[in-house]
Amino acid sequence: SLRATCRPGLWGAAAGSVSLEGASGAPTLADCCLADNRLNLDVYPAGCRRLLQLFEGRRAEVVQVEFLRLSTNDRLLGAALGILPRLKHLKSLVLKGEFLHPSPRL
C-alpha cells in the first residue's frame, strides 16, 4: 500500500494554491497527503485548513488515520486539534515547528 507523501508544489501548483479537487486523472492534494493510514500536513502551507477540508469532504477516510503530522505554526492549529476526538484510530500525533517560550531573565 502507498505510504509516501508528496511535497508541496510537486504537481506544479504554487504554494497555498493547491486544491483538494484534481483535474481528470491528476492526483489531488488529498490523494497526495492522505496516504494509507498517514496524513502528513506539517509540510504544507495552511495544513490545518487542509485537514479541516479533508475532514468535511472525505471524513470516512480521515477518521481512519492512525498517524497525523501538523505544524505548530499554523493559525488554525486549535481548530484542527478540535477534531482529534473524532479520530478514533489515531495512534500518533506529531506537532512540528517552533514553540515560543519566554526567555528567563538574568
Protein backbone atom coordinates (compact mmCIF):
# COMPACT_ATOMS: atom_id res chain seq x y z
CA SER A 1 0.00 0.00 0.00
CA LEU A 2 1.03 3.61 -0.58
CA ARG A 3 2.92 5.16 2.33
CA ALA A 4 4.84 8.00 0.73
CA THR A 5 3.65 11.57 0.90
CA CYS A 6 4.12 14.32 -1.64
CA ARG A 7 5.98 17.55 -1.18
CA PRO A 8 4.32 20.95 -1.65
CA GLY A 9 4.36 22.06 -5.24
CA LEU A 10 5.00 18.57 -6.60
CA TRP A 11 2.12 18.86 -9.04
CA GLY A 12 3.18 22.31 -10.23
CA ALA A 13 0.81 24.38 -8.11
CA ALA A 14 2.01 27.45 -6.28
CA ALA A 15 2.30 27.23 -2.52
CA GLY A 16 -1.02 27.91 -0.89
CA SER A 17 -2.99 27.39 -4.08
CA VAL A 18 -3.11 23.60 -4.19
CA SER A 19 -6.70 22.49 -4.49
CA LEU A 20 -8.32 19.44 -2.98
CA GLU A 21 -10.03 18.98 -6.34
CA GLY A 22 -7.99 17.48 -9.17
CA ALA A 23 -8.29 17.64 -12.92
CA SER A 24 -9.40 14.41 -14.55
CA GLY A 25 -6.73 11.82 -13.86
CA ALA A 26 -4.44 14.22 -11.96
CA PRO A 27 -3.61 13.39 -8.34
CA THR A 28 -5.23 15.75 -5.86
CA LEU A 29 -3.64 17.08 -2.69
CA ALA A 30 -5.94 14.76 -0.76
CA ASP A 31 -4.64 11.76 -2.71
CA CYS A 32 -1.12 13.01 -2.22
CA CYS A 33 -1.08 13.68 1.53
CA LEU A 34 -3.68 11.12 2.64
CA ALA A 35 -1.59 8.01 2.13
CA ASP A 36 -2.79 4.73 3.63
CA ASN A 37 -3.30 5.48 7.34
CA ARG A 38 -0.96 8.50 7.43
CA LEU A 39 -1.75 12.17 7.00
CA ASN A 40 1.31 14.43 6.80
CA LEU A 41 0.25 18.07 6.65
CA ASP A 42 3.13 19.69 8.52
CA VAL A 43 4.97 20.44 5.25
CA TYR A 44 2.07 22.24 3.58
CA PRO A 45 1.17 25.90 3.98
CA ALA A 46 -2.21 26.02 5.74
CA GLY A 47 -2.02 22.31 6.52
CA CYS A 48 -4.55 22.61 9.34
CA ARG A 49 -7.04 24.24 6.96
CA ARG A 50 -6.49 21.33 4.61
CA LEU A 51 -7.12 18.86 7.44
CA LEU A 52 -10.42 20.58 8.20
CA GLN A 53 -11.35 20.50 4.49
CA LEU A 54 -10.43 16.83 4.20
CA PHE A 55 -12.44 16.07 7.32
CA GLU A 56 -15.51 17.69 5.77
CA GLY A 57 -15.03 16.24 2.29
CA ARG A 58 -13.51 12.81 2.96
CA ARG A 59 -14.50 12.12 6.56
CA ALA A 60 -14.74 8.34 6.15
CA GLU A 61 -11.08 8.23 5.14
CA VAL A 62 -9.81 10.82 7.61
CA VAL A 63 -11.34 9.08 10.64
CA GLN A 64 -9.24 6.01 9.76
CA VAL A 65 -5.96 7.96 10.07
CA GLU A 66 -3.52 6.49 12.59
CA PHE A 67 -0.57 8.86 12.12
CA LEU A 68 -1.04 12.63 11.84
CA ARG A 69 1.56 15.40 11.46
CA LEU A 70 0.68 19.09 11.80
CA SER A 71 2.65 22.33 12.07
CA THR A 72 2.60 24.32 15.30
CA ASN A 73 3.00 27.48 13.22
CA ASP A 74 -0.44 27.12 11.62
CA ARG A 75 -3.02 29.66 12.79
CA LEU A 76 -5.80 27.03 12.62
CA LEU A 77 -3.97 24.52 14.83
CA GLY A 78 -6.58 24.88 17.61
CA ALA A 79 -9.46 24.16 15.23
CA ALA A 80 -7.59 21.19 13.75
CA LEU A 81 -6.89 19.78 17.21
CA GLY A 82 -10.61 20.09 17.91
CA ILE A 83 -11.39 17.20 15.55
CA LEU A 84 -8.91 14.81 17.21
CA PRO A 85 -11.54 13.20 19.47
CA ARG A 86 -13.29 12.00 16.29
CA LEU A 87 -10.14 10.28 15.02
CA LYS A 88 -10.73 7.07 16.98
CA HIS A 89 -7.87 5.19 15.28
CA LEU A 90 -5.22 7.89 15.90
CA LYS A 91 -2.08 6.38 17.43
CA SER A 92 0.44 9.15 16.84
CA LEU A 93 0.25 12.93 16.62
CA VAL A 94 3.39 14.87 15.71
CA LEU A 95 3.39 18.64 16.06
CA LYS A 96 6.35 20.16 14.22
CA GLY A 97 7.50 23.73 14.46
CA GLU A 98 8.64 26.25 16.97
CA PHE A 99 7.19 26.76 20.40
CA LEU A 100 7.75 30.23 21.76
CA HIS A 101 8.73 30.26 25.40
CA PRO A 102 9.58 33.41 27.33
CA SER A 103 13.31 33.56 27.87
CA PRO A 104 14.43 33.60 31.50
CA ARG A 105 15.64 36.94 32.79
CA LEU A 106 19.10 37.02 34.25
